Amino acid sequence: MRTFSRWLALAACVSGAAAYADDNDLQVSRFGNPRAQDAEGNLTNAAANANFQAFARVMGAAIGSVNLMPPETTGHSAWAVNAELSVVSLPDSVAIPTEKPQQPSTVLIPSIHVRKGLPFSLELGGRVGWVEKSSQVVATGEVKWAVNEGFTWLPDVGVRGHVTKLFGARDLSLTVMGLDIGVGKQFPLGGMVTLTPYGGLDLSFVGATTSTLEFDPERGYEGTTDDDSRAALQTAGQYAKVSFGDNMNQRIYGGVRFIGGVLQLGAELSLTRTGSVSVPTLNNPNVTEDRGLPAVFAFNTTLGFDF
């Protein structure tokens, strides 16, 4: 009996730790119920869907704001393994519903990036990162084709397709798909030492949905009546879907990579334009106006090996 009690206590501790929410974990229901109405049947939170869309575009820019590789490939038989760190600046004018009431101005995303060269100037890659102070993981899969690489007098040109998904965010599915075109040129500094400046344009498409949310967590379920059930339909719902085709971010980036033997070092700056969203006006929720969203800045560094 004593042994059973110890196991029960351990299970309670583990379950309590799993339920703990850290500062940067997301709580998307904080945008409020988009179907909330006053006594006359007028919507009182008509901007909730627009606020969710703005958040999705900015968060999509944050998790997809890194490239950290020039357009050239590693070579058909080579590997590259890198530890990376992204420092992403989050705009104050767009609400990020973190558990901590005061949203962060910057967020760190450390990650591991693995790339494998293939024949015909192709390259496959994968990146797994972690959003600091949260239980959220960012995973990216990518494929790159070097249209032109290795010529003496011509720059290297590459095309990269990528998909990034956010895992571990409660009630939220957020995915970013993109296509970028990069240009760079490798310059030998002597022996096995090279320096490669590069830059490019990345077009990213953001998609986001939520599960059914309960906007009144204080509402009880015991002894409910038909009226209570009808009321429950008014306190539960989803935000409007953020569709890939209607939500495109434009990211420009530039960086430099240094290789000495098998050692790689690199740094990169990027700026992502997040476009605009349609927000209902205060006087008439049926009339909307476009609201421009701020850009997202990121500084990225990498340290790894090419072999």
Protein backbone atom coordinates (compact mmCIF):
# COMPACT_ATOMS: atom_id res chain seq x y z
CA MET A 1 0.00 0.00 0.00
CA ARG A 2 2.83 2.37 0.84
CA THR A 3 4.52 1.60 -2.50
CA PHE A 4 1.25 2.29 -4.35
CA SER A 5 0.92 5.66 -2.59
CA ARG A 6 4.42 6.63 -3.66
CA TRP A 7 3.63 5.82 -7.31
CA LEU A 8 0.37 7.77 -7.08
CA ALA A 9 2.21 10.81 -5.69
CA LEU A 10 4.80 10.56 -8.47
CA ALA A 11 2.08 10.40 -11.11
CA ALA A 12 0.42 13.48 -9.63
CA CYS A 13 3.70 15.40 -9.77
CA VAL A 14 4.33 14.39 -13.40
CA SER A 15 0.82 15.35 -14.49
CA GLY A 16 1.14 18.67 -12.68
CA ALA A 17 4.43 19.41 -14.44
CA ALA A 18 2.87 18.55 -17.82
CA ALA A 19 0.01 20.99 -17.21
CA TYR A 20 2.37 23.83 -16.31
CA ALA A 21 2.41 26.64 -18.87
CA ASP A 22 5.56 28.69 -19.37
CA ASP A 23 5.75 32.41 -20.17
CA ASN A 24 5.83 32.10 -23.97
CA ASP A 25 3.24 29.33 -24.33
CA LEU A 26 0.29 30.52 -26.40
CA GLN A 27 -3.31 30.91 -25.25
CA VAL A 28 -5.20 31.86 -28.42
CA SER A 29 -8.60 32.12 -26.69
CA ARG A 30 -7.42 35.44 -25.24
CA PHE A 31 -8.50 37.14 -28.47
CA GLY A 32 -12.05 36.65 -27.21
CA ASN A 33 -15.21 35.17 -28.65
CA PRO A 34 -15.80 36.45 -32.22
CA ARG A 35 -19.50 35.58 -31.83
CA ALA A 36 -20.08 37.53 -28.61
CA GLN A 37 -23.23 39.67 -28.74
CA ASP A 38 -24.91 42.29 -26.63
CA ALA A 39 -28.57 42.24 -25.54
CA GLU A 40 -29.64 43.61 -28.92
CA GLY A 41 -27.79 40.96 -30.88
CA ASN A 42 -24.94 43.18 -32.03
CA LEU A 43 -21.43 41.73 -32.23
CA THR A 44 -19.24 43.09 -29.44
CA ASN A 45 -15.92 41.53 -30.50
CA ALA A 46 -16.01 41.74 -34.27
CA ALA A 47 -12.24 42.35 -34.48
CA ALA A 48 -11.33 38.98 -32.91
CA ASN A 49 -10.89 37.18 -36.24
CA ALA A 50 -8.76 40.03 -37.62
CA ASN A 51 -6.59 40.00 -34.49
CA PHE A 52 -6.12 36.24 -34.84
CA GLN A 53 -5.15 36.66 -38.51
CA ALA A 54 -2.64 39.40 -37.64
CA PHE A 55 -1.14 37.19 -34.93
CA ALA A 56 -0.88 34.22 -37.32
CA ARG A 57 0.98 36.28 -39.93
CA VAL A 58 3.42 37.72 -37.41
CA MET A 59 3.99 34.37 -35.68
CA GLY A 60 4.44 32.73 -39.07
CA ALA A 61 7.08 35.32 -39.92
CA ALA A 62 8.82 34.65 -36.59
CA ILE A 63 9.12 30.87 -37.00
CA GLY A 64 10.12 31.14 -40.66
CA SER A 65 12.60 34.01 -40.45
CA VAL A 66 15.78 31.99 -40.93
CA ASN A 67 17.72 30.59 -43.90
CA LEU A 68 21.41 30.61 -42.88
CA MET A 69 22.75 29.01 -46.03
CA PRO A 70 23.93 30.37 -49.38
CA PRO A 71 22.36 29.14 -52.63
CA GLU A 72 25.17 26.66 -53.35
CA THR A 73 24.71 23.07 -52.14
CA THR A 74 26.99 21.02 -49.94
CA GLY A 75 27.89 18.70 -52.84
CA HIS A 76 26.36 15.35 -53.76
CA SER A 77 28.16 13.35 -51.03
CA ALA A 78 28.51 15.95 -48.26
CA TRP A 79 26.69 16.68 -45.01
CA ALA A 80 26.36 19.86 -42.98
CA VAL A 81 25.30 19.88 -39.31
CA ASN A 82 24.81 23.25 -37.60
CA ALA A 83 23.69 24.67 -34.28
CA GLU A 84 21.74 27.86 -34.93
CA LEU A 85 20.21 30.70 -32.95
CA SER A 86 17.52 33.13 -34.12
CA VAL A 87 16.77 36.35 -32.28
CA VAL A 88 13.37 37.53 -33.50
CA SER A 89 11.93 40.97 -32.75
CA LEU A 90 8.15 40.86 -32.16
CA PRO A 91 6.17 44.07 -32.80
CA ASP A 92 4.26 45.54 -29.86
CA SER A 93 1.32 46.65 -32.04
CA VAL A 94 0.23 43.06 -32.79
CA ALA A 95 -1.08 41.04 -29.84
CA ILE A 96 0.79 37.78 -29.16
CA PRO A 97 -1.37 35.86 -26.64
CA THR A 98 1.36 34.44 -24.42
CA GLU A 99 0.70 33.10 -20.94
CA LYS A 100 2.67 36.01 -19.51
CA PRO A 101 0.41 39.09 -19.66
CA GLN A 102 3.19 41.26 -21.04
CA GLN A 103 4.21 39.79 -24.38
CA PRO A 104 7.94 39.57 -25.16
CA SER A 105 9.59 42.12 -27.43
CA THR A 106 12.07 39.49 -28.65
CA VAL A 107 12.10 35.70 -28.64
CA LEU A 108 15.02 33.29 -28.99
CA ILE A 109 14.71 30.17 -31.16
CA PRO A 110 17.75 27.83 -30.89
CA SER A 111 17.77 25.00 -33.41
CA ILE A 112 19.69 22.15 -35.03
CA HIS A 113 19.96 22.21 -38.83
CA VAL A 114 21.03 19.20 -40.92
CA ARG A 115 21.57 19.27 -44.69
CA LYS A 116 22.49 16.51 -47.15
CA GLY A 117 23.71 17.07 -50.69
CA LEU A 118 22.32 14.99 -53.55
CA PRO A 119 23.22 14.56 -57.22
CA PHE A 120 22.06 17.09 -59.83
CA SER A 121 22.74 20.05 -57.50
CA LEU A 122 19.92 19.09 -55.14
CA GLU A 123 19.96 19.28 -51.36
CA LEU A 124 17.60 18.12 -48.61
CA GLY A 125 17.49 19.73 -45.19
CA GLY A 126 15.68 19.66 -41.90
CA ARG A 127 15.65 21.98 -38.91
CA VAL A 128 14.21 21.46 -35.41
CA GLY A 129 14.02 24.43 -33.05
CA TRP A 130 12.53 25.39 -29.71
CA VAL A 131 10.73 28.61 -28.79
CA GLU A 132 12.35 29.76 -25.56
CA LYS A 133 10.33 29.65 -22.32
CA SER A 134 7.66 27.45 -23.87
CA SER A 135 6.73 23.89 -24.77
CA GLN A 136 6.59 24.78 -28.47
CA VAL A 137 8.77 23.18 -31.13
CA VAL A 138 9.37 24.46 -34.65
CA ALA A 139 10.11 21.89 -37.38
CA THR A 140 11.17 22.70 -40.95
CA GLY A 141 11.66 20.51 -44.01
CA GLU A 142 13.31 21.92 -47.13
CA VAL A 143 14.58 21.03 -50.57
CA LYS A 144 16.97 23.22 -52.57
CA TRP A 145 18.11 23.17 -56.19
CA ALA A 146 21.19 25.14 -57.19
CA VAL A 147 20.28 26.38 -60.65
CA ASN A 148 23.83 27.62 -61.10
CA GLU A 149 26.84 27.03 -58.82
CA GLY A 150 30.61 26.86 -58.94
CA PHE A 151 31.29 28.99 -62.02
CA THR A 152 34.24 31.38 -61.76
CA TRP A 153 32.64 34.55 -63.08
CA LEU A 154 28.95 33.90 -62.41
CA PRO A 155 27.09 34.08 -59.09
CA ASP A 156 25.46 31.03 -57.55
CA VAL A 157 21.67 30.93 -57.84
CA GLY A 158 19.44 28.60 -55.85
CA VAL A 159 15.73 27.93 -55.40
CA ARG A 160 14.47 26.55 -52.08
CA GLY A 161 11.06 25.20 -51.12
CA HIS A 162 10.29 24.86 -47.42
CA VAL A 163 7.51 23.94 -44.98
CA THR A 164 7.58 24.98 -41.30
CA LYS A 165 5.11 23.87 -38.64
CA LEU A 166 4.64 24.92 -35.02
CA PHE A 167 4.07 22.03 -32.59
CA GLY A 168 3.03 22.14 -28.95
CA ALA A 169 0.76 25.21 -29.16
CA ARG A 170 -2.52 24.45 -27.44
CA ASP A 171 -5.62 24.66 -29.69
CA LEU A 172 -3.57 26.09 -32.58
CA SER A 173 -2.37 24.69 -35.91
CA LEU A 174 0.11 27.04 -37.63
CA THR A 175 1.98 26.18 -40.84
CA VAL A 176 4.18 28.23 -43.16
CA MET A 177 4.99 27.17 -46.73
CA GLY A 178 7.43 29.12 -48.84
CA LEU A 179 9.60 29.46 -51.90
CA ASP A 180 12.74 31.56 -51.93
CA ILE A 181 15.32 32.53 -54.51
CA GLY A 182 18.87 33.19 -53.32
CA VAL A 183 21.98 34.64 -54.95
CA GLY A 184 25.52 34.38 -53.60
CA LYS A 185 29.17 34.04 -54.50
CA GLN A 186 31.95 32.08 -52.82
CA PHE A 187 35.36 33.77 -52.58
CA PRO A 188 38.48 31.76 -51.67
CA LEU A 189 40.70 33.31 -49.02
CA GLY A 190 43.47 30.76 -49.34
CA GLY A 191 43.70 27.01 -48.95
CA MET A 192 40.43 25.57 -47.58
CA VAL A 193 39.13 28.93 -46.33
CA THR A 194 36.23 30.63 -48.14
CA LEU A 195 33.85 33.55 -47.56
CA THR A 196 30.38 33.56 -49.13
CA PRO A 197 28.09 36.62 -49.02
CA TYR A 198 24.52 35.91 -50.11
CA GLY A 199 20.99 37.32 -50.15
CA GLY A 200 17.54 36.55 -51.41
CA LEU A 201 13.77 36.91 -51.40
CA ASP A 202 11.45 34.46 -49.67
CA LEU A 203 7.71 34.35 -50.34
CA SER A 204 5.94 32.58 -47.45
CA PHE A 205 2.30 31.56 -47.20
CA VAL A 206 0.75 31.30 -43.73
CA GLY A 207 -2.10 28.99 -42.77
CA ALA A 208 -3.67 28.73 -39.31
CA THR A 209 -6.72 27.17 -37.68
CA THR A 210 -7.89 26.63 -34.12
CA SER A 211 -9.79 23.84 -32.45
CA THR A 212 -13.14 24.60 -30.83
CA LEU A 213 -12.46 27.00 -27.96
CA GLU A 214 -14.43 27.59 -24.78
CA PHE A 215 -14.43 31.32 -24.13
CA ASP A 216 -16.16 31.03 -20.75
CA PRO A 217 -14.04 28.57 -18.71
CA GLU A 218 -16.01 29.43 -15.56
CA ARG A 219 -19.21 27.98 -16.97
CA GLY A 220 -20.19 24.76 -15.20
CA TYR A 221 -21.70 21.61 -16.72
CA GLU A 222 -23.52 20.04 -13.78
CA GLY A 223 -27.29 20.34 -13.84
CA THR A 224 -27.39 22.05 -17.22
CA THR A 225 -30.74 22.83 -18.87
CA ASP A 226 -31.71 23.31 -22.48
CA ASP A 227 -31.19 27.05 -22.04
CA ASP A 228 -27.71 26.38 -20.68
CA SER A 229 -26.94 24.20 -23.70
CA ARG A 230 -28.04 26.93 -26.08
CA ALA A 231 -25.93 29.42 -24.16
CA ALA A 232 -22.95 27.11 -24.46
CA LEU A 233 -23.15 27.43 -28.23
CA GLN A 234 -22.57 31.16 -27.79
CA THR A 235 -19.48 30.73 -25.58
CA ALA A 236 -17.69 28.15 -27.75
CA GLY A 237 -16.36 28.53 -31.26
CA GLN A 238 -13.41 28.91 -33.60
CA TYR A 239 -11.68 31.81 -35.25
CA ALA A 240 -11.97 32.24 -39.00
CA LYS A 241 -9.47 30.11 -40.90
CA VAL A 242 -6.28 31.84 -42.05
CA SER A 243 -5.84 30.52 -45.60
CA PHE A 244 -2.50 30.05 -47.33
CA GLY A 245 -3.62 31.74 -50.54
CA ASP A 246 -4.71 34.94 -48.80
CA ASN A 247 -1.82 35.45 -46.37
CA MET A 248 1.58 35.91 -48.00
CA ASN A 249 4.61 37.33 -46.21
CA GLN A 250 7.61 38.71 -48.08
CA ARG A 251 11.02 38.22 -46.49
CA ILE A 252 14.29 39.69 -47.71
CA TYR A 253 17.49 38.38 -46.18
CA GLY A 254 21.22 38.77 -46.44
CA GLY A 255 24.13 37.09 -44.75
CA VAL A 256 27.66 35.78 -44.93
CA ARG A 257 29.16 32.34 -44.37
CA PHE A 258 32.75 31.55 -43.45
CA ILE A 259 34.26 28.08 -43.95
CA GLY A 260 37.68 27.08 -42.62
CA GLY A 261 38.33 23.41 -43.25
CA VAL A 262 35.23 21.65 -41.94
CA LEU A 263 34.19 24.51 -39.63
CA GLN A 264 31.30 26.78 -40.63
CA LEU A 265 30.41 30.17 -39.19
CA GLY A 266 27.63 32.41 -40.41
CA ALA A 267 25.39 35.36 -39.64
CA GLU A 268 22.23 36.62 -41.31
CA LEU A 269 19.75 39.48 -41.09
CA SER A 270 16.19 39.29 -42.35
CA LEU A 271 13.16 41.55 -42.60
CA THR A 272 9.68 40.14 -43.21
CA ARG A 273 6.83 42.28 -44.48
CA THR A 274 3.58 40.88 -43.08
CA GLY A 275 1.12 42.80 -45.24
CA SER A 276 -2.26 43.92 -43.88
CA VAL A 277 -5.53 42.57 -42.51
CA SER A 278 -9.13 43.75 -42.86
CA VAL A 279 -10.48 45.06 -39.55
CA PRO A 280 -14.16 45.87 -38.89
CA THR A 281 -14.82 49.54 -38.18
CA LEU A 282 -16.09 50.59 -34.76
CA ASN A 283 -19.28 52.18 -36.09
CA ASN A 284 -20.27 49.34 -38.42
CA PRO A 285 -18.83 45.81 -38.02
CA ASN A 286 -20.02 44.98 -41.54
CA VAL A 287 -17.63 47.57 -42.99
CA THR A 288 -13.92 46.80 -42.92
CA GLU A 289 -10.75 48.78 -43.40
CA ASP A 290 -7.22 47.58 -44.11
CA ARG A 291 -4.73 47.78 -41.26
CA GLY A 292 -1.06 47.53 -42.13
CA LEU A 293 1.02 45.17 -40.01
CA PRO A 294 4.59 45.93 -38.89
CA ALA A 295 7.61 44.12 -40.25
CA VAL A 296 9.38 41.37 -38.30
CA PHE A 297 13.17 41.61 -37.91
CA ALA A 298 15.46 38.68 -37.13
CA PHE A 299 19.17 38.17 -36.53
CA ASN A 300 20.45 34.61 -37.03
CA THR A 301 23.79 32.95 -36.33
CA THR A 302 25.15 29.49 -37.04
CA LEU A 303 28.10 27.31 -36.03
CA GLY A 304 28.62 23.88 -37.50
CA PHE A 305 30.56 21.41 -39.60
CA ASP A 306 30.64 20.60 -43.29
CA PHE A 307 32.01 17.17 -44.16
